[in-house]
């Protein structure tokens, strides 16, 4: 008979002290310069942890890896190691793009040649997004527990929009008015063409 799993709320000192089922206060966020909310913010109750965690897409028992099943979907540039995708959905920023290896890899299984090229391609993409008219900075981050395939997100911060600095730029992206399709097509082409100057190929909407 297999041993019973421990209560997931007690697996570590961190887990044991959290107020599961309760609403934590958002007061510490309000008034911060980069937080786009004011007044009363109602936080959802803290859910119990799920242990073992459900498999991500691409893992055994999970769904298909979207990037591997749809290798060309939304790709605007690629080389032998990396691709850039955008245009998944309407956005409020001049650009939101995903960078990922073309082969199915996680951060922990990136091959030495892909690891060695990561810094260069991150810098190139940040500079390429900076070529879009009116963009001041490129913010980037690694998040997304839904897929086993390593990916990073790149978001354009418009010039002078100081409220959009920091992690909340992703929330602003969802809340700002969607940019017009023609403008976004121009931005995709700008980014893909800039990337192609250093190698690789602009494809799809990026080549238009």
N, C-alpha and C. Protein backbone atom coordinates (compact mmCIF):
# COMPACT_ATOMS: atom_id res chain seq x y z
N UNK A 1 0.85 -1.19 0.00
CA UNK A 1 0.00 0.00 0.00
C UNK A 1 0.89 1.25 0.00
N UNK A 2 0.66 2.17 -0.94
CA UNK A 2 1.50 3.36 -1.03
C UNK A 2 1.25 4.29 0.15
N UNK A 3 2.32 4.98 0.52
CA UNK A 3 2.20 5.93 1.63
C UNK A 3 1.32 7.10 1.22
N UNK A 4 0.56 7.59 2.15
CA UNK A 4 -0.29 8.74 1.86
C UNK A 4 0.56 9.99 1.72
N UNK A 5 0.15 10.85 0.79
CA UNK A 5 0.86 12.11 0.61
C UNK A 5 0.56 13.02 1.80
N UNK A 6 1.52 13.84 2.19
CA UNK A 6 1.26 14.77 3.29
C UNK A 6 0.26 15.84 2.86
N UNK A 7 -0.36 16.47 3.84
CA UNK A 7 -1.23 17.61 3.56
C UNK A 7 -0.38 18.65 2.82
N UNK A 8 -0.77 19.03 1.59
CA UNK A 8 0.07 19.97 0.82
C UNK A 8 0.27 21.31 1.50
N UNK A 9 -0.60 21.63 2.47
CA UNK A 9 -0.46 22.90 3.18
C UNK A 9 0.63 22.85 4.25
N UNK A 10 1.26 21.68 4.41
CA UNK A 10 2.25 21.53 5.49
C UNK A 10 3.60 21.05 4.99
N UNK A 11 3.85 21.12 3.69
CA UNK A 11 5.08 20.51 3.16
C UNK A 11 6.33 21.32 3.48
N UNK A 12 6.20 22.56 3.86
CA UNK A 12 7.36 23.37 4.25
C UNK A 12 6.90 24.43 5.23
N UNK A 13 7.88 25.06 5.87
CA UNK A 13 7.55 26.15 6.80
C UNK A 13 6.81 27.27 6.08
N UNK A 14 7.19 27.52 4.84
CA UNK A 14 6.50 28.55 4.06
C UNK A 14 5.03 28.19 3.89
N UNK A 15 4.76 26.94 3.47
CA UNK A 15 3.38 26.51 3.26
C UNK A 15 2.56 26.56 4.55
N UNK A 16 3.18 26.19 5.66
CA UNK A 16 2.43 26.07 6.91
C UNK A 16 1.92 27.41 7.43
N UNK A 17 2.57 28.51 7.07
CA UNK A 17 2.17 29.78 7.67
C UNK A 17 1.21 30.60 6.80
N UNK A 18 0.84 30.08 5.63
CA UNK A 18 -0.02 30.86 4.73
C UNK A 18 -1.50 30.74 5.10
N UNK A 19 -2.29 31.80 4.88
CA UNK A 19 -3.71 31.82 5.27
C UNK A 19 -4.62 31.28 4.17
N UNK A 20 -4.61 29.98 3.95
CA UNK A 20 -5.42 29.39 2.88
C UNK A 20 -6.91 29.66 3.11
N UNK A 21 -7.61 29.91 2.02
CA UNK A 21 -9.04 30.18 2.09
C UNK A 21 -9.38 31.61 2.46
N UNK A 22 -8.38 32.41 2.77
CA UNK A 22 -8.62 33.80 3.17
C UNK A 22 -8.18 34.76 2.06
N UNK A 23 -8.67 35.98 2.14
CA UNK A 23 -8.28 37.02 1.20
C UNK A 23 -7.15 37.85 1.82
N UNK A 24 -5.99 37.85 1.20
CA UNK A 24 -4.91 38.69 1.69
C UNK A 24 -5.18 40.13 1.27
N UNK A 25 -4.56 41.06 1.96
CA UNK A 25 -4.80 42.47 1.69
C UNK A 25 -3.92 42.97 0.55
N UNK A 26 -4.49 43.80 -0.30
CA UNK A 26 -3.74 44.45 -1.38
C UNK A 26 -3.24 45.83 -0.97
N UNK A 27 -3.41 46.18 0.31
CA UNK A 27 -3.09 47.54 0.76
C UNK A 27 -1.63 47.91 0.51
N UNK A 28 -0.73 46.94 0.63
CA UNK A 28 0.69 47.26 0.46
C UNK A 28 1.02 47.66 -0.98
N UNK A 29 0.17 47.27 -1.93
CA UNK A 29 0.40 47.64 -3.33
C UNK A 29 -0.12 49.03 -3.65
N UNK A 30 -1.24 49.41 -3.05
CA UNK A 30 -1.91 50.64 -3.43
C UNK A 30 -1.05 51.85 -3.10
N UNK A 31 -0.99 52.76 -4.03
CA UNK A 31 -0.18 53.95 -3.86
C UNK A 31 1.22 53.82 -4.41
N UNK A 32 1.63 52.58 -4.78
CA UNK A 32 2.94 52.41 -5.40
C UNK A 32 2.91 53.01 -6.81
N UNK A 33 4.02 53.60 -7.25
CA UNK A 33 3.98 54.35 -8.52
C UNK A 33 3.68 53.51 -9.75
N UNK A 34 3.97 52.20 -9.73
CA UNK A 34 3.79 51.40 -10.93
C UNK A 34 2.54 50.51 -10.88
N UNK A 35 1.72 50.64 -9.83
CA UNK A 35 0.53 49.81 -9.69
C UNK A 35 -0.67 50.55 -10.28
N UNK A 36 -1.38 49.96 -11.25
CA UNK A 36 -2.44 50.69 -11.95
C UNK A 36 -3.81 50.64 -11.28
N UNK A 37 -3.86 50.41 -9.98
CA UNK A 37 -5.14 50.31 -9.30
C UNK A 37 -5.18 51.28 -8.12
N UNK A 38 -6.39 51.70 -7.78
CA UNK A 38 -6.59 52.53 -6.60
C UNK A 38 -7.93 52.18 -5.98
N UNK A 39 -8.18 52.68 -4.78
CA UNK A 39 -9.42 52.36 -4.11
C UNK A 39 -9.39 50.95 -3.55
N UNK A 40 -10.56 50.36 -3.43
CA UNK A 40 -10.65 49.01 -2.86
C UNK A 40 -10.35 47.96 -3.93
N UNK A 41 -9.34 47.12 -3.68
CA UNK A 41 -9.00 46.02 -4.57
C UNK A 41 -9.30 44.73 -3.83
N UNK A 42 -10.18 43.92 -4.38
CA UNK A 42 -10.61 42.69 -3.73
C UNK A 42 -9.79 41.52 -4.28
N UNK A 43 -8.99 40.91 -3.44
CA UNK A 43 -8.13 39.80 -3.83
C UNK A 43 -8.89 38.49 -3.64
N UNK A 44 -8.74 37.58 -4.59
CA UNK A 44 -9.41 36.28 -4.47
C UNK A 44 -8.81 35.51 -3.30
N UNK A 45 -9.58 34.62 -2.67
CA UNK A 45 -9.04 33.82 -1.56
C UNK A 45 -7.84 32.99 -2.00
N UNK A 46 -6.89 32.82 -1.11
CA UNK A 46 -5.70 32.03 -1.41
C UNK A 46 -6.06 30.55 -1.46
N UNK A 47 -5.81 29.93 -2.60
CA UNK A 47 -6.19 28.53 -2.80
C UNK A 47 -5.17 27.59 -2.16
N UNK A 48 -5.63 26.40 -1.80
CA UNK A 48 -4.73 25.36 -1.30
C UNK A 48 -3.75 24.97 -2.40
N UNK A 49 -2.51 24.63 -2.06
CA UNK A 49 -1.56 24.15 -3.06
C UNK A 49 -1.98 22.77 -3.59
N UNK A 50 -1.62 22.50 -4.84
CA UNK A 50 -1.88 21.20 -5.46
C UNK A 50 -0.58 20.42 -5.52
N UNK A 51 -0.49 19.35 -4.75
CA UNK A 51 0.71 18.52 -4.72
C UNK A 51 0.28 17.05 -4.81
N UNK A 52 0.76 16.30 -5.81
CA UNK A 52 1.69 16.74 -6.85
C UNK A 52 1.04 17.74 -7.81
N UNK A 53 1.86 18.59 -8.41
CA UNK A 53 1.34 19.57 -9.34
C UNK A 53 0.84 18.89 -10.60
N UNK A 54 -0.21 19.43 -11.20
CA UNK A 54 -0.69 18.85 -12.48
C UNK A 54 0.37 19.04 -13.56
N UNK A 55 0.47 18.10 -14.50
CA UNK A 55 1.49 18.23 -15.55
C UNK A 55 1.20 19.42 -16.46
N UNK A 56 2.27 20.06 -16.90
CA UNK A 56 2.14 21.15 -17.86
C UNK A 56 1.97 20.59 -19.27
N UNK A 57 1.53 21.42 -20.18
CA UNK A 57 1.49 21.02 -21.58
C UNK A 57 2.90 20.68 -22.05
N UNK A 58 3.04 19.54 -22.69
CA UNK A 58 4.35 19.08 -23.14
C UNK A 58 4.97 18.05 -22.22
N UNK A 59 4.46 17.95 -21.00
CA UNK A 59 4.94 16.93 -20.06
C UNK A 59 4.08 15.68 -20.18
N UNK A 60 4.59 14.50 -19.78
CA UNK A 60 3.77 13.29 -19.79
C UNK A 60 2.50 13.49 -18.96
N UNK A 61 1.37 13.17 -19.54
CA UNK A 61 0.10 13.34 -18.85
C UNK A 61 -0.55 14.69 -19.07
N UNK A 62 0.19 15.62 -19.62
CA UNK A 62 -0.36 16.95 -19.91
C UNK A 62 -0.83 17.04 -21.35
N UNK A 63 -1.27 18.22 -21.74
CA UNK A 63 -1.69 18.43 -23.11
C UNK A 63 -0.50 18.55 -24.05
N UNK A 64 -0.79 18.76 -25.32
CA UNK A 64 0.27 18.92 -26.31
C UNK A 64 1.02 20.22 -26.10
N UNK A 65 2.29 20.24 -26.45
CA UNK A 65 3.07 21.47 -26.45
C UNK A 65 2.66 22.29 -27.66
N UNK A 66 2.05 23.46 -27.42
CA UNK A 66 1.52 24.27 -28.52
C UNK A 66 2.61 24.62 -29.53
N UNK A 67 3.78 24.98 -29.05
CA UNK A 67 4.84 25.40 -29.97
C UNK A 67 5.30 24.26 -30.87
N UNK A 68 5.33 23.06 -30.34
CA UNK A 68 5.79 21.93 -31.14
C UNK A 68 4.71 21.43 -32.09
N UNK A 69 3.45 21.50 -31.68
CA UNK A 69 2.35 21.08 -32.54
C UNK A 69 2.09 22.11 -33.64
N UNK A 70 2.39 23.38 -33.33
CA UNK A 70 2.16 24.48 -34.28
C UNK A 70 3.47 25.23 -34.50
N UNK A 71 4.44 24.59 -35.17
CA UNK A 71 5.79 25.16 -35.25
C UNK A 71 5.89 26.50 -35.97
N UNK A 72 4.93 26.82 -36.82
CA UNK A 72 5.02 28.06 -37.60
C UNK A 72 3.99 29.10 -37.20
N UNK A 73 3.11 28.78 -36.24
CA UNK A 73 2.03 29.69 -35.88
C UNK A 73 2.58 30.96 -35.24
N UNK A 74 2.22 32.12 -35.82
CA UNK A 74 2.57 33.43 -35.28
C UNK A 74 4.06 33.73 -35.27
N UNK A 75 4.88 32.95 -35.96
CA UNK A 75 6.32 33.20 -36.01
C UNK A 75 6.59 34.33 -36.99
N UNK A 76 7.37 35.33 -36.55
CA UNK A 76 7.74 36.44 -37.44
C UNK A 76 9.23 36.43 -37.79
N UNK A 77 10.02 35.65 -37.04
CA UNK A 77 11.47 35.54 -37.31
C UNK A 77 11.96 34.24 -36.69
N UNK A 78 12.96 33.63 -37.34
CA UNK A 78 13.61 32.47 -36.72
C UNK A 78 15.01 32.30 -37.29
N UNK A 79 15.84 31.59 -36.53
CA UNK A 79 17.10 31.09 -37.04
C UNK A 79 17.15 29.60 -36.70
N UNK A 80 18.32 29.00 -36.67
CA UNK A 80 18.39 27.56 -36.42
C UNK A 80 18.02 27.19 -34.99
N UNK A 81 18.17 28.14 -34.06
CA UNK A 81 17.96 27.82 -32.65
C UNK A 81 16.69 28.42 -32.06
N UNK A 82 16.33 29.64 -32.48
CA UNK A 82 15.29 30.42 -31.81
C UNK A 82 14.19 30.84 -32.76
N UNK A 83 13.00 31.10 -32.23
CA UNK A 83 11.99 31.79 -33.01
C UNK A 83 11.31 32.86 -32.15
N UNK A 84 10.71 33.83 -32.83
CA UNK A 84 9.97 34.92 -32.19
C UNK A 84 8.54 34.86 -32.69
N UNK A 85 7.59 34.90 -31.74
CA UNK A 85 6.18 34.85 -32.09
C UNK A 85 5.46 36.05 -31.49
N UNK A 86 4.49 36.52 -32.22
CA UNK A 86 3.64 37.60 -31.72
C UNK A 86 2.32 37.58 -32.48
N UNK A 87 1.38 38.41 -32.07
CA UNK A 87 0.09 38.43 -32.73
C UNK A 87 -0.86 37.37 -32.22
N UNK A 88 -0.62 36.88 -30.99
CA UNK A 88 -1.51 35.85 -30.42
C UNK A 88 -2.92 36.42 -30.19
N UNK A 89 -2.97 37.67 -29.80
CA UNK A 89 -4.24 38.29 -29.41
C UNK A 89 -4.06 39.81 -29.48
N UNK A 90 -5.15 40.57 -29.47
CA UNK A 90 -5.02 42.03 -29.45
C UNK A 90 -4.24 42.49 -28.22
N UNK A 91 -3.38 43.48 -28.40
CA UNK A 91 -2.55 43.98 -27.30
C UNK A 91 -2.66 45.50 -27.23
N UNK A 92 -2.34 46.04 -26.05
CA UNK A 92 -2.39 47.48 -25.86
C UNK A 92 -1.04 48.15 -25.98
N UNK A 93 0.04 47.37 -25.96
CA UNK A 93 1.38 47.91 -26.11
C UNK A 93 1.81 47.85 -27.58
N UNK A 94 2.84 48.59 -27.97
CA UNK A 94 3.31 48.50 -29.35
C UNK A 94 3.78 47.10 -29.74
N UNK A 95 4.27 46.32 -28.74
CA UNK A 95 4.73 44.97 -29.05
C UNK A 95 4.73 44.11 -27.80
N UNK A 96 4.26 42.89 -27.94
CA UNK A 96 4.49 41.82 -26.98
C UNK A 96 4.91 40.61 -27.81
N UNK A 97 6.08 40.06 -27.51
CA UNK A 97 6.59 38.96 -28.32
C UNK A 97 7.15 37.87 -27.41
N UNK A 98 7.07 36.63 -27.90
CA UNK A 98 7.62 35.50 -27.16
C UNK A 98 8.84 34.95 -27.88
N UNK A 99 9.90 34.70 -27.13
CA UNK A 99 11.13 34.10 -27.65
C UNK A 99 11.24 32.69 -27.09
N UNK A 100 11.52 31.71 -27.95
CA UNK A 100 11.62 30.32 -27.50
C UNK A 100 12.57 29.54 -28.41
N UNK A 101 13.19 28.49 -27.88
CA UNK A 101 14.00 27.63 -28.74
C UNK A 101 13.11 26.87 -29.71
N UNK A 102 13.62 26.61 -30.90
CA UNK A 102 12.84 25.89 -31.91
C UNK A 102 12.67 24.42 -31.53
N UNK A 103 13.62 23.87 -30.81
CA UNK A 103 13.49 22.50 -30.31
C UNK A 103 12.79 22.51 -28.96
N UNK A 104 12.17 21.38 -28.62
CA UNK A 104 11.45 21.25 -27.35
C UNK A 104 12.46 21.10 -26.21
N UNK A 105 12.62 22.20 -25.44
CA UNK A 105 13.57 22.22 -24.33
C UNK A 105 12.98 23.02 -23.18
N UNK A 106 13.41 22.70 -21.97
CA UNK A 106 13.12 23.52 -20.81
C UNK A 106 14.38 24.30 -20.45
N UNK A 107 14.27 25.22 -19.49
CA UNK A 107 15.46 25.94 -19.04
C UNK A 107 16.53 24.97 -18.58
N UNK A 108 16.11 23.86 -17.96
CA UNK A 108 17.07 22.91 -17.40
C UNK A 108 17.68 21.99 -18.44
N UNK A 109 17.08 21.93 -19.64
CA UNK A 109 17.60 21.01 -20.66
C UNK A 109 18.11 21.74 -21.91
N UNK A 110 18.22 23.07 -21.86
CA UNK A 110 18.79 23.79 -22.99
C UNK A 110 20.19 23.25 -23.28
N UNK A 111 20.46 22.98 -24.54
CA UNK A 111 21.78 22.48 -24.91
C UNK A 111 22.82 23.59 -24.80
N UNK A 112 24.11 23.22 -24.67
CA UNK A 112 25.14 24.25 -24.48
C UNK A 112 25.15 25.32 -25.57
N UNK A 113 24.91 24.93 -26.83
CA UNK A 113 24.94 25.93 -27.90
C UNK A 113 23.76 26.89 -27.79
N UNK A 114 22.58 26.39 -27.36
CA UNK A 114 21.43 27.26 -27.20
C UNK A 114 21.63 28.19 -26.00
N UNK A 115 22.17 27.66 -24.91
CA UNK A 115 22.47 28.50 -23.75
C UNK A 115 23.46 29.61 -24.13
N UNK A 116 24.48 29.26 -24.89
CA UNK A 116 25.50 30.24 -25.27
C UNK A 116 24.94 31.35 -26.14
N UNK A 117 23.87 31.05 -26.90
CA UNK A 117 23.31 32.06 -27.80
C UNK A 117 22.19 32.87 -27.15
N UNK A 118 21.77 32.50 -25.93
CA UNK A 118 20.62 33.15 -25.30
C UNK A 118 20.86 34.64 -25.05
N UNK A 119 21.99 34.98 -24.47
CA UNK A 119 22.25 36.38 -24.17
C UNK A 119 22.25 37.25 -25.41
N UNK A 120 22.85 36.74 -26.48
CA UNK A 120 22.91 37.52 -27.71
C UNK A 120 21.52 37.75 -28.29
N UNK A 121 20.68 36.69 -28.33
CA UNK A 121 19.36 36.86 -28.96
C UNK A 121 18.45 37.73 -28.09
N UNK A 122 18.61 37.68 -26.76
CA UNK A 122 17.84 38.57 -25.88
C UNK A 122 18.19 40.03 -26.18
N UNK A 123 19.48 40.31 -26.27
CA UNK A 123 19.90 41.68 -26.57
C UNK A 123 19.40 42.13 -27.93
N UNK A 124 19.51 41.26 -28.93
CA UNK A 124 19.07 41.62 -30.28
C UNK A 124 17.58 41.91 -30.32
N UNK A 125 16.79 41.10 -29.63
CA UNK A 125 15.34 41.32 -29.65
C UNK A 125 14.96 42.59 -28.91
N UNK A 126 15.62 42.85 -27.79
CA UNK A 126 15.35 44.09 -27.06
C UNK A 126 15.66 45.31 -27.93
N UNK A 127 16.77 45.27 -28.65
CA UNK A 127 17.13 46.37 -29.53
C UNK A 127 16.18 46.47 -30.72
N UNK A 128 15.74 45.32 -31.24
CA UNK A 128 14.82 45.33 -32.38
C UNK A 128 13.49 45.95 -32.00
N UNK A 129 12.97 45.61 -30.84
CA UNK A 129 11.71 46.20 -30.38
C UNK A 129 11.88 47.70 -30.16
N UNK A 130 13.07 48.12 -29.73
CA UNK A 130 13.36 49.52 -29.53
C UNK A 130 13.33 50.34 -30.81
N UNK A 131 13.33 49.67 -31.96
CA UNK A 131 13.25 50.39 -33.24
C UNK A 131 11.82 50.83 -33.57
N UNK A 132 10.84 50.27 -32.88
CA UNK A 132 9.46 50.67 -33.13
C UNK A 132 9.28 52.13 -32.74
N UNK A 133 8.59 52.88 -33.57
CA UNK A 133 8.38 54.30 -33.32
C UNK A 133 7.70 54.51 -31.96
N UNK A 134 8.30 55.36 -31.13
CA UNK A 134 7.70 55.71 -29.85
C UNK A 134 8.00 54.77 -28.71
N UNK A 135 8.90 53.79 -28.89
CA UNK A 135 9.25 52.85 -27.82
C UNK A 135 10.51 53.32 -27.11
N UNK A 136 10.46 53.34 -25.77
CA UNK A 136 11.60 53.78 -24.98
C UNK A 136 12.45 52.62 -24.46
N UNK A 137 11.80 51.57 -23.97
CA UNK A 137 12.50 50.45 -23.34
C UNK A 137 11.79 49.15 -23.72
N UNK A 138 12.55 48.05 -23.62
CA UNK A 138 11.97 46.72 -23.78
C UNK A 138 12.09 45.99 -22.45
N UNK A 139 10.96 45.65 -21.85
CA UNK A 139 10.94 44.85 -20.63
C UNK A 139 10.83 43.39 -21.03
N UNK A 140 11.51 42.51 -20.31
CA UNK A 140 11.36 41.09 -20.61
C UNK A 140 11.41 40.27 -19.33
N UNK A 141 10.75 39.11 -19.39
CA UNK A 141 10.64 38.27 -18.21
C UNK A 141 10.38 36.84 -18.64
N UNK A 142 10.68 35.93 -17.73
CA UNK A 142 10.35 34.53 -17.95
C UNK A 142 9.23 34.16 -17.00
N UNK A 143 8.04 33.89 -17.56
CA UNK A 143 6.95 33.34 -16.77
C UNK A 143 6.08 32.52 -17.70
N UNK A 144 5.16 31.77 -17.14
CA UNK A 144 4.30 30.92 -17.95
C UNK A 144 4.47 29.47 -17.57
N UNK A 145 3.76 29.04 -16.55
CA UNK A 145 3.85 27.66 -16.07
C UNK A 145 2.96 26.72 -16.87
N UNK A 146 2.31 27.22 -17.92
CA UNK A 146 1.38 26.37 -18.65
C UNK A 146 2.06 25.43 -19.62
N UNK A 147 3.31 25.71 -19.98
CA UNK A 147 3.99 24.91 -21.00
C UNK A 147 5.39 24.54 -20.55
N UNK A 148 5.80 23.33 -20.91
CA UNK A 148 7.14 22.85 -20.58
C UNK A 148 8.19 23.49 -21.49
N UNK A 149 7.79 24.03 -22.62
CA UNK A 149 8.71 24.61 -23.60
C UNK A 149 9.22 25.95 -23.08
N UNK A 150 10.54 26.11 -22.93
CA UNK A 150 11.12 27.36 -22.42
C UNK A 150 10.69 28.53 -23.30
N UNK A 151 10.27 29.62 -22.66
CA UNK A 151 9.92 30.82 -23.41
C UNK A 151 10.06 32.05 -22.52
N UNK A 152 10.36 33.17 -23.16
CA UNK A 152 10.46 34.45 -22.49
C UNK A 152 9.52 35.43 -23.18
N UNK A 153 9.03 36.39 -22.40
CA UNK A 153 8.14 37.42 -22.93
C UNK A 153 8.85 38.77 -22.98
N UNK A 154 8.63 39.49 -24.07
CA UNK A 154 9.23 40.80 -24.30
C UNK A 154 8.10 41.80 -24.53
N UNK A 155 8.12 42.91 -23.77
CA UNK A 155 7.05 43.91 -23.85
C UNK A 155 7.64 45.29 -24.05
N UNK A 156 7.08 46.05 -24.98
CA UNK A 156 7.58 47.38 -25.32
C UNK A 156 6.96 48.42 -24.39
N UNK A 157 7.82 49.22 -23.75
CA UNK A 157 7.32 50.32 -22.91
C UNK A 157 7.39 51.61 -23.70
N UNK A 158 6.23 52.25 -23.98
CA UNK A 158 6.22 53.45 -24.80
C UNK A 158 6.97 54.61 -24.13
N UNK A 159 7.56 55.44 -24.94
CA UNK A 159 8.31 56.61 -24.48
C UNK A 159 7.43 57.50 -23.61
N UNK A 160 7.95 57.87 -22.45
CA UNK A 160 7.26 58.79 -21.56
C UNK A 160 6.21 58.17 -20.68
N UNK A 161 5.85 56.91 -20.91
CA UNK A 161 4.79 56.24 -20.13
C UNK A 161 5.42 55.64 -18.88
N UNK A 162 5.69 56.49 -17.90
CA UNK A 162 6.45 56.09 -16.72
C UNK A 162 5.66 55.16 -15.80
N UNK A 163 4.32 55.22 -15.87
CA UNK A 163 3.51 54.30 -15.06
C UNK A 163 3.69 52.86 -15.50
N UNK A 164 4.13 52.65 -16.72
CA UNK A 164 4.21 51.30 -17.27
C UNK A 164 5.53 50.60 -16.95
N UNK A 165 6.37 51.23 -16.15
CA UNK A 165 7.63 50.58 -15.77
C UNK A 165 7.36 49.44 -14.80
N UNK A 166 8.18 48.41 -14.89
CA UNK A 166 8.08 47.33 -13.93
C UNK A 166 7.13 46.21 -14.35
N UNK A 167 6.90 45.28 -13.41
CA UNK A 167 6.15 44.06 -13.73
C UNK A 167 4.71 44.32 -14.14
N UNK A 168 4.13 45.44 -13.72
CA UNK A 168 2.74 45.71 -14.04
C UNK A 168 2.53 46.09 -15.50
N UNK A 169 3.60 46.16 -16.28
CA UNK A 169 3.43 46.46 -17.70
C UNK A 169 2.57 45.39 -18.37
N UNK A 170 2.63 44.15 -17.87
CA UNK A 170 1.80 43.09 -18.45
C UNK A 170 0.33 43.35 -18.20
N UNK A 171 -0.02 43.88 -17.03
CA UNK A 171 -1.41 44.21 -16.74
C UNK A 171 -1.86 45.39 -17.62
N UNK A 172 -1.00 46.38 -17.76
CA UNK A 172 -1.34 47.52 -18.62
C UNK A 172 -1.58 47.03 -20.06
N UNK A 173 -0.80 46.08 -20.51
CA UNK A 173 -0.96 45.55 -21.86
C UNK A 173 -2.38 45.03 -22.10
N UNK A 174 -2.96 44.42 -21.07
CA UNK A 174 -4.32 43.89 -21.19
C UNK A 174 -5.38 44.98 -21.09
N UNK A 175 -5.06 46.09 -20.42
CA UNK A 175 -6.07 47.10 -20.14
C UNK A 175 -6.08 48.27 -21.13
N UNK A 176 -4.96 48.57 -21.74
CA UNK A 176 -4.91 49.70 -22.68
C UNK A 176 -5.69 49.37 -23.96
N UNK A 177 -6.17 50.39 -24.68
CA UNK A 177 -6.90 50.13 -25.92
C UNK A 177 -6.03 49.36 -26.92
N UNK A 178 -6.57 48.35 -27.58
CA UNK A 178 -5.79 47.59 -28.57
C UNK A 178 -5.28 48.50 -29.69
N UNK A 179 -4.05 48.26 -30.11
CA UNK A 179 -3.51 49.08 -31.19
C UNK A 179 -4.11 48.62 -32.52
N UNK A 180 -4.23 49.50 -33.50
CA UNK A 180 -4.83 49.14 -34.79
C UNK A 180 -4.03 48.04 -35.51
N UNK A 181 -4.72 47.22 -36.28
CA UNK A 181 -4.07 46.10 -36.97
C UNK A 181 -2.95 46.56 -37.89
N UNK A 182 -3.19 47.62 -38.65
CA UNK A 182 -2.17 48.08 -39.60
C UNK A 182 -0.92 48.54 -38.86
N UNK A 183 -1.10 49.23 -37.75
CA UNK A 183 0.04 49.68 -36.96
C UNK A 183 0.81 48.49 -36.40
N UNK A 184 0.09 47.47 -35.94
CA UNK A 184 0.76 46.30 -35.39
C UNK A 184 1.52 45.53 -36.47
N UNK A 185 0.96 45.45 -37.66
CA UNK A 185 1.67 44.79 -38.76
C UNK A 185 2.98 45.52 -39.07
N UNK A 186 2.93 46.84 -39.03
CA UNK A 186 4.16 47.62 -39.24
C UNK A 186 5.18 47.31 -38.15
N UNK A 187 4.72 47.23 -36.92
CA UNK A 187 5.62 46.94 -35.81
C UNK A 187 6.23 45.54 -35.92
N UNK A 188 5.43 44.57 -36.33
CA UNK A 188 5.96 43.21 -36.52
C UNK A 188 7.05 43.20 -37.58
N UNK A 189 6.79 43.90 -38.68
CA UNK A 189 7.79 43.95 -39.75
C UNK A 189 9.06 44.65 -39.27
N UNK A 190 8.91 45.72 -38.50
CA UNK A 190 10.08 46.45 -37.97
C UNK A 190 10.95 45.53 -37.13
N UNK A 191 10.34 44.77 -36.24
CA UNK A 191 11.09 43.88 -35.35
C UNK A 191 11.74 42.75 -36.14
N UNK A 192 10.99 42.10 -37.01
CA UNK A 192 11.54 40.98 -37.77
C UNK A 192 12.68 41.41 -38.69
N UNK A 193 12.52 42.57 -39.34
CA UNK A 193 13.57 43.06 -40.23
C UNK A 193 14.83 43.39 -39.45
N UNK A 194 14.67 44.00 -38.28
CA UNK A 194 15.84 44.32 -37.45
C UNK A 194 16.54 43.05 -37.00
N UNK A 195 15.78 42.02 -36.64
CA UNK A 195 16.40 40.75 -36.26
C UNK A 195 17.15 40.11 -37.42
N UNK A 196 16.56 40.18 -38.61
CA UNK A 196 17.17 39.55 -39.78
C UNK A 196 18.48 40.21 -40.18
N UNK A 197 18.66 41.46 -39.80
CA UNK A 197 19.93 42.14 -40.10
C UNK A 197 21.11 41.43 -39.45
N UNK A 198 20.85 40.79 -38.30
CA UNK A 198 21.92 40.08 -37.59
C UNK A 198 21.94 38.60 -37.83
N UNK A 199 21.10 38.10 -38.74
CA UNK A 199 21.03 36.68 -39.03
C UNK A 199 19.63 36.17 -38.87
N UNK A 200 19.40 34.96 -39.35
CA UNK A 200 18.06 34.41 -39.32
C UNK A 200 17.20 34.99 -40.43
N UNK A 201 15.89 34.72 -40.37
CA UNK A 201 15.00 35.07 -41.45
C UNK A 201 13.69 35.62 -40.94
N UNK A 202 13.25 36.74 -41.51
CA UNK A 202 11.92 37.26 -41.24
C UNK A 202 10.92 36.42 -42.01
N UNK A 203 9.85 35.97 -41.34
CA UNK A 203 8.88 35.09 -41.96
C UNK A 203 7.47 35.54 -41.60
N UNK A 204 6.48 34.97 -42.28
CA UNK A 204 5.09 35.25 -41.95
C UNK A 204 4.79 36.73 -42.00
N UNK A 205 4.09 37.21 -40.98
CA UNK A 205 3.75 38.63 -40.92
C UNK A 205 4.98 39.51 -40.79
N UNK A 206 6.07 38.96 -40.30
CA UNK A 206 7.30 39.74 -40.18
C UNK A 206 7.96 40.02 -41.50
N UNK A 207 7.65 39.21 -42.50
CA UNK A 207 8.26 39.40 -43.82
C UNK A 207 7.40 40.27 -44.73
N UNK A 208 6.17 40.61 -44.26
CA UNK A 208 5.24 41.37 -45.10
C UNK A 208 5.63 42.82 -45.24
